[in-house]
């Protein structure tokens, strides 16, 4: 992943990503857009986890064009490849915080002094 320069649209492999032409990444134009920081954080975490090292895999499947259009609108990501990569990285890096948080309920001693 290429580092984005300040003032320039972020790019990946020489391609514009995440709606950088109209309704730039992180800005809203009447639609929800994944922030530049979130996109970069997810992709950086995926890269650091070794999930993006080998790009020999290929994925294929039939999906609704309306689903792809809406996902692109919601994220601001323009290319199918970047959309798929971001979606898969988001799922692969999911930490299940909500489930873990619920499971920990009642496991902290109520007498514990937290200092506030």
N, C-alpha and C. Protein backbone atom coordinates (compact mmCIF):
# COMPACT_ATOMS: atom_id res chain seq x y z
N UNK A 1 0.85 -1.18 0.00
CA UNK A 1 0.00 0.00 0.00
C UNK A 1 0.89 1.23 0.00
N UNK A 2 0.59 2.16 -0.85
CA UNK A 2 1.37 3.38 -0.94
C UNK A 2 0.90 4.36 0.11
N UNK A 3 1.84 5.09 0.69
CA UNK A 3 1.45 6.11 1.66
C UNK A 3 0.87 7.30 0.91
N UNK A 4 -0.20 7.83 1.44
CA UNK A 4 -0.84 8.98 0.80
C UNK A 4 -0.14 10.25 1.24
N UNK A 5 0.18 11.12 0.29
CA UNK A 5 0.78 12.40 0.62
C UNK A 5 -0.30 13.37 1.02
N UNK A 6 0.04 14.30 1.87
CA UNK A 6 -0.91 15.31 2.29
C UNK A 6 -1.33 16.13 1.08
N UNK A 7 -2.61 16.31 0.92
CA UNK A 7 -3.13 17.11 -0.18
C UNK A 7 -3.32 16.34 -1.47
N UNK A 8 -2.83 15.11 -1.54
CA UNK A 8 -3.02 14.30 -2.74
C UNK A 8 -3.99 13.17 -2.43
N UNK A 9 -4.77 12.74 -3.43
CA UNK A 9 -5.69 11.63 -3.18
C UNK A 9 -4.91 10.36 -2.88
N UNK A 10 -5.42 9.51 -1.95
CA UNK A 10 -4.73 8.26 -1.66
C UNK A 10 -4.79 7.34 -2.87
N UNK A 11 -3.74 6.59 -3.08
CA UNK A 11 -3.73 5.65 -4.19
C UNK A 11 -3.23 4.30 -3.71
N UNK A 12 -3.63 3.25 -4.42
CA UNK A 12 -3.15 1.91 -4.16
C UNK A 12 -2.79 1.35 -5.52
N UNK A 13 -1.58 0.90 -5.65
CA UNK A 13 -1.10 0.34 -6.91
C UNK A 13 -1.40 1.28 -8.08
N UNK A 14 -1.24 2.59 -7.85
CA UNK A 14 -1.43 3.57 -8.90
C UNK A 14 -2.88 3.88 -9.23
N UNK A 15 -3.82 3.34 -8.47
CA UNK A 15 -5.23 3.58 -8.73
C UNK A 15 -5.80 4.50 -7.67
N UNK A 16 -6.74 5.33 -8.07
CA UNK A 16 -7.43 6.17 -7.10
C UNK A 16 -8.37 5.28 -6.30
N UNK A 17 -8.46 5.55 -5.01
CA UNK A 17 -9.37 4.76 -4.19
C UNK A 17 -10.34 5.64 -3.45
N UNK A 18 -11.38 5.02 -3.04
CA UNK A 18 -12.35 5.56 -2.10
C UNK A 18 -12.89 6.93 -2.46
N UNK A 19 -13.33 7.08 -3.68
CA UNK A 19 -14.06 8.29 -4.05
C UNK A 19 -13.25 9.56 -3.96
N UNK A 20 -11.99 9.53 -4.37
CA UNK A 20 -11.14 10.69 -4.19
C UNK A 20 -11.38 11.79 -5.20
N UNK A 21 -12.08 11.51 -6.28
CA UNK A 21 -12.33 12.57 -7.26
C UNK A 21 -13.52 13.42 -6.84
N UNK A 22 -14.68 12.83 -6.78
CA UNK A 22 -15.88 13.55 -6.34
C UNK A 22 -16.23 13.04 -4.96
N UNK A 23 -16.48 13.93 -4.02
CA UNK A 23 -16.79 13.49 -2.66
C UNK A 23 -15.62 12.75 -2.08
N UNK A 24 -14.50 13.42 -1.94
CA UNK A 24 -13.26 12.80 -1.49
C UNK A 24 -13.45 11.91 -0.28
N UNK A 25 -12.58 10.94 -0.17
CA UNK A 25 -12.57 10.02 0.96
C UNK A 25 -12.54 10.81 2.24
N UNK A 26 -13.46 10.52 3.14
CA UNK A 26 -13.50 11.22 4.41
C UNK A 26 -14.40 12.44 4.39
N UNK A 27 -14.84 12.87 3.22
CA UNK A 27 -15.78 13.98 3.13
C UNK A 27 -17.14 13.40 2.76
N UNK A 28 -18.18 14.11 3.10
CA UNK A 28 -19.49 13.60 2.76
C UNK A 28 -20.14 14.47 1.70
N UNK A 29 -20.82 13.82 0.79
CA UNK A 29 -21.57 14.51 -0.25
C UNK A 29 -22.97 13.91 -0.27
N UNK A 30 -23.60 13.88 0.91
CA UNK A 30 -24.92 13.31 1.00
C UNK A 30 -24.91 11.80 1.10
N UNK A 31 -23.76 11.21 1.33
CA UNK A 31 -23.67 9.76 1.47
C UNK A 31 -22.63 9.43 2.53
N UNK A 32 -22.71 8.24 3.05
CA UNK A 32 -21.74 7.80 4.05
C UNK A 32 -20.48 7.38 3.31
N UNK A 33 -19.34 7.85 3.76
CA UNK A 33 -18.08 7.51 3.11
C UNK A 33 -17.10 7.06 4.18
N UNK A 34 -16.40 5.98 3.91
CA UNK A 34 -15.37 5.51 4.82
C UNK A 34 -14.30 6.57 4.89
N UNK A 35 -13.89 6.93 6.09
CA UNK A 35 -12.87 7.96 6.22
C UNK A 35 -11.55 7.44 5.69
N UNK A 36 -10.76 8.35 5.21
CA UNK A 36 -9.42 8.01 4.71
C UNK A 36 -8.64 7.31 5.81
N UNK A 37 -8.76 7.81 7.03
CA UNK A 37 -8.03 7.23 8.16
C UNK A 37 -8.47 5.79 8.42
N UNK A 38 -9.78 5.52 8.35
CA UNK A 38 -10.27 4.16 8.59
C UNK A 38 -9.81 3.22 7.49
N UNK A 39 -9.94 3.66 6.24
CA UNK A 39 -9.51 2.84 5.12
C UNK A 39 -8.03 2.49 5.28
N UNK A 40 -7.21 3.50 5.53
CA UNK A 40 -5.77 3.27 5.66
C UNK A 40 -5.45 2.41 6.88
N UNK A 41 -6.17 2.60 7.98
CA UNK A 41 -5.92 1.81 9.19
C UNK A 41 -6.24 0.34 8.96
N UNK A 42 -7.36 0.07 8.32
CA UNK A 42 -7.75 -1.32 8.04
C UNK A 42 -6.73 -1.96 7.11
N UNK A 43 -6.37 -1.25 6.05
CA UNK A 43 -5.44 -1.83 5.08
C UNK A 43 -4.03 -1.98 5.67
N UNK A 44 -3.62 -1.03 6.50
CA UNK A 44 -2.31 -1.13 7.16
C UNK A 44 -2.29 -2.33 8.12
N UNK A 45 -3.36 -2.50 8.89
CA UNK A 45 -3.46 -3.62 9.82
C UNK A 45 -3.45 -4.95 9.06
N UNK A 46 -4.15 -5.01 7.95
CA UNK A 46 -4.17 -6.23 7.14
C UNK A 46 -2.78 -6.52 6.59
N UNK A 47 -2.10 -5.46 6.16
CA UNK A 47 -0.74 -5.62 5.64
C UNK A 47 0.21 -6.11 6.73
N UNK A 48 0.13 -5.48 7.91
CA UNK A 48 0.99 -5.86 9.03
C UNK A 48 0.69 -7.27 9.53
N UNK A 49 -0.53 -7.72 9.37
CA UNK A 49 -0.91 -9.07 9.78
C UNK A 49 -0.52 -10.11 8.75
N UNK A 50 0.06 -9.66 7.64
CA UNK A 50 0.47 -10.59 6.60
C UNK A 50 -0.65 -11.02 5.68
N UNK A 51 -1.79 -10.35 5.77
CA UNK A 51 -2.94 -10.75 4.97
C UNK A 51 -2.85 -10.27 3.52
N UNK A 52 -1.96 -9.34 3.24
CA UNK A 52 -1.86 -8.79 1.88
C UNK A 52 -0.55 -9.16 1.18
N UNK A 53 0.23 -10.04 1.81
CA UNK A 53 1.55 -10.37 1.25
C UNK A 53 1.49 -10.99 -0.13
N UNK A 54 0.74 -12.05 -0.27
CA UNK A 54 0.71 -12.78 -1.53
C UNK A 54 -0.59 -12.48 -2.25
N UNK A 55 -0.49 -11.95 -3.44
CA UNK A 55 -1.70 -11.58 -4.17
C UNK A 55 -1.89 -12.46 -5.40
N UNK A 56 -1.74 -13.76 -5.20
CA UNK A 56 -1.92 -14.69 -6.30
C UNK A 56 -3.33 -15.26 -6.34
N UNK A 57 -4.09 -15.03 -5.27
CA UNK A 57 -5.44 -15.58 -5.20
C UNK A 57 -6.41 -14.80 -6.08
N UNK A 58 -7.44 -15.48 -6.48
CA UNK A 58 -8.46 -14.85 -7.31
C UNK A 58 -9.80 -15.25 -6.73
N UNK A 59 -10.73 -14.31 -6.74
CA UNK A 59 -12.06 -14.58 -6.20
C UNK A 59 -13.08 -14.29 -7.30
N UNK A 60 -14.08 -15.10 -7.35
CA UNK A 60 -15.12 -14.89 -8.35
C UNK A 60 -16.46 -15.28 -7.77
N UNK A 61 -17.46 -14.64 -8.24
CA UNK A 61 -18.79 -14.96 -7.77
C UNK A 61 -19.78 -14.00 -8.39
N UNK A 62 -21.01 -14.37 -8.33
CA UNK A 62 -22.06 -13.52 -8.87
C UNK A 62 -22.71 -12.77 -7.72
N UNK A 63 -22.74 -11.46 -7.86
CA UNK A 63 -23.37 -10.61 -6.85
C UNK A 63 -24.26 -9.60 -7.56
N UNK A 64 -25.19 -9.09 -6.82
CA UNK A 64 -26.11 -8.10 -7.36
C UNK A 64 -25.35 -6.81 -7.67
N UNK A 65 -25.51 -6.27 -8.87
CA UNK A 65 -24.88 -5.00 -9.20
C UNK A 65 -25.34 -3.88 -8.26
N UNK A 66 -26.60 -3.96 -7.79
CA UNK A 66 -27.11 -2.96 -6.85
C UNK A 66 -26.34 -3.03 -5.54
N UNK A 67 -25.98 -4.23 -5.09
CA UNK A 67 -25.20 -4.40 -3.87
C UNK A 67 -23.83 -3.75 -4.02
N UNK A 68 -23.18 -3.98 -5.14
CA UNK A 68 -21.86 -3.40 -5.39
C UNK A 68 -21.96 -1.87 -5.46
N UNK A 69 -22.94 -1.36 -6.20
CA UNK A 69 -23.12 0.10 -6.31
C UNK A 69 -23.33 0.74 -4.94
N UNK A 70 -24.20 0.12 -4.13
CA UNK A 70 -24.50 0.67 -2.81
C UNK A 70 -23.27 0.60 -1.90
N UNK A 71 -22.53 -0.49 -1.95
CA UNK A 71 -21.32 -0.62 -1.13
C UNK A 71 -20.29 0.44 -1.55
N UNK A 72 -20.17 0.68 -2.84
CA UNK A 72 -19.25 1.72 -3.31
C UNK A 72 -19.73 3.09 -2.86
N UNK A 73 -21.03 3.34 -2.94
CA UNK A 73 -21.58 4.61 -2.47
C UNK A 73 -21.32 4.79 -0.97
N UNK A 74 -21.58 3.75 -0.20
CA UNK A 74 -21.42 3.82 1.26
C UNK A 74 -19.97 4.02 1.68
N UNK A 75 -19.05 3.43 0.94
CA UNK A 75 -17.64 3.52 1.33
C UNK A 75 -16.88 4.60 0.59
N UNK A 76 -17.34 4.94 -0.61
CA UNK A 76 -16.59 5.87 -1.43
C UNK A 76 -15.48 5.19 -2.22
N UNK A 77 -15.35 3.88 -2.08
CA UNK A 77 -14.33 3.12 -2.81
C UNK A 77 -14.81 2.93 -4.24
N UNK A 78 -13.94 3.20 -5.19
CA UNK A 78 -14.36 3.18 -6.59
C UNK A 78 -14.12 1.88 -7.33
N UNK A 79 -13.05 1.15 -7.00
CA UNK A 79 -12.74 -0.06 -7.78
C UNK A 79 -13.25 -1.31 -7.08
N UNK A 80 -13.66 -2.30 -7.90
CA UNK A 80 -14.14 -3.57 -7.35
C UNK A 80 -13.05 -4.23 -6.51
N UNK A 81 -11.82 -4.23 -7.00
CA UNK A 81 -10.72 -4.89 -6.28
C UNK A 81 -10.51 -4.27 -4.91
N UNK A 82 -10.46 -2.94 -4.84
CA UNK A 82 -10.25 -2.28 -3.55
C UNK A 82 -11.44 -2.50 -2.62
N UNK A 83 -12.65 -2.53 -3.17
CA UNK A 83 -13.84 -2.76 -2.37
C UNK A 83 -13.81 -4.17 -1.76
N UNK A 84 -13.50 -5.15 -2.57
CA UNK A 84 -13.43 -6.54 -2.09
C UNK A 84 -12.32 -6.68 -1.06
N UNK A 85 -11.15 -6.11 -1.35
CA UNK A 85 -10.02 -6.20 -0.44
C UNK A 85 -10.35 -5.54 0.91
N UNK A 86 -10.96 -4.35 0.87
CA UNK A 86 -11.33 -3.65 2.10
C UNK A 86 -12.38 -4.45 2.88
N UNK A 87 -13.39 -4.97 2.20
CA UNK A 87 -14.45 -5.73 2.86
C UNK A 87 -13.88 -6.99 3.51
N UNK A 88 -13.04 -7.71 2.78
CA UNK A 88 -12.46 -8.93 3.34
C UNK A 88 -11.52 -8.63 4.50
N UNK A 89 -10.73 -7.57 4.37
CA UNK A 89 -9.82 -7.20 5.46
C UNK A 89 -10.61 -6.79 6.70
N UNK A 90 -11.71 -6.08 6.50
CA UNK A 90 -12.55 -5.66 7.63
C UNK A 90 -13.09 -6.88 8.38
N UNK A 91 -13.55 -7.87 7.65
CA UNK A 91 -14.08 -9.09 8.26
C UNK A 91 -12.95 -9.90 8.91
N UNK A 92 -11.83 -10.03 8.21
CA UNK A 92 -10.71 -10.83 8.71
C UNK A 92 -10.12 -10.25 9.98
N UNK A 93 -10.17 -8.94 10.13
CA UNK A 93 -9.58 -8.28 11.29
C UNK A 93 -10.58 -8.03 12.41
N UNK A 94 -11.82 -8.44 12.24
CA UNK A 94 -12.86 -8.23 13.25
C UNK A 94 -12.40 -8.80 14.59
N UNK A 95 -12.52 -8.00 15.63
CA UNK A 95 -12.04 -8.45 16.95
C UNK A 95 -13.15 -8.95 17.86
N UNK A 96 -14.38 -8.94 17.41
CA UNK A 96 -15.52 -9.43 18.19
C UNK A 96 -15.61 -8.76 19.56
N UNK A 97 -15.30 -7.48 19.61
CA UNK A 97 -15.29 -6.74 20.87
C UNK A 97 -16.62 -6.85 21.61
N UNK A 98 -17.72 -6.67 20.89
CA UNK A 98 -19.04 -6.68 21.54
C UNK A 98 -19.29 -8.00 22.25
N UNK A 99 -18.99 -9.11 21.59
CA UNK A 99 -19.21 -10.43 22.20
C UNK A 99 -18.31 -10.63 23.42
N UNK A 100 -17.05 -10.27 23.29
CA UNK A 100 -16.11 -10.42 24.40
C UNK A 100 -16.53 -9.53 25.57
N UNK A 101 -16.98 -8.32 25.26
CA UNK A 101 -17.43 -7.38 26.29
C UNK A 101 -18.63 -7.96 27.04
N UNK A 102 -19.60 -8.51 26.30
CA UNK A 102 -20.78 -9.11 26.94
C UNK A 102 -20.38 -10.29 27.83
N UNK A 103 -19.46 -11.11 27.35
CA UNK A 103 -19.03 -12.29 28.11
C UNK A 103 -18.32 -11.91 29.41
N UNK A 104 -17.72 -10.72 29.46
CA UNK A 104 -16.98 -10.33 30.66
C UNK A 104 -17.89 -9.73 31.73
N UNK A 105 -19.14 -9.52 31.42
CA UNK A 105 -20.09 -8.92 32.37
C UNK A 105 -20.14 -9.73 33.66
N UNK A 106 -19.96 -9.02 34.77
CA UNK A 106 -20.05 -9.65 36.08
C UNK A 106 -18.78 -10.35 36.52
N UNK A 107 -17.71 -10.26 35.75
CA UNK A 107 -16.47 -10.95 36.10
C UNK A 107 -15.46 -10.06 36.81
N UNK A 108 -15.76 -8.78 36.95
CA UNK A 108 -14.89 -7.87 37.68
C UNK A 108 -15.45 -7.72 39.09
N UNK A 109 -14.58 -7.87 40.07
CA UNK A 109 -15.00 -7.77 41.46
C UNK A 109 -15.60 -6.41 41.71
N UNK A 110 -16.87 -6.35 42.18
CA UNK A 110 -17.52 -5.04 42.41
C UNK A 110 -16.83 -4.22 43.49
N UNK A 111 -16.01 -4.84 44.33
CA UNK A 111 -15.28 -4.11 45.39
C UNK A 111 -13.99 -3.51 44.88
N UNK A 112 -13.62 -3.79 43.65
CA UNK A 112 -12.38 -3.28 43.08
C UNK A 112 -12.43 -1.75 42.99
N UNK A 113 -11.43 -1.07 43.52
CA UNK A 113 -11.36 0.40 43.49
C UNK A 113 -10.67 0.80 42.19
N UNK A 114 -11.38 1.55 41.37
CA UNK A 114 -10.87 1.96 40.08
C UNK A 114 -10.24 3.37 40.11
N UNK A 115 -10.36 4.06 41.22
CA UNK A 115 -9.70 5.36 41.34
C UNK A 115 -10.49 6.54 40.80
N UNK A 116 -11.76 6.36 40.57
CA UNK A 116 -12.56 7.51 40.17
C UNK A 116 -13.94 7.42 40.74
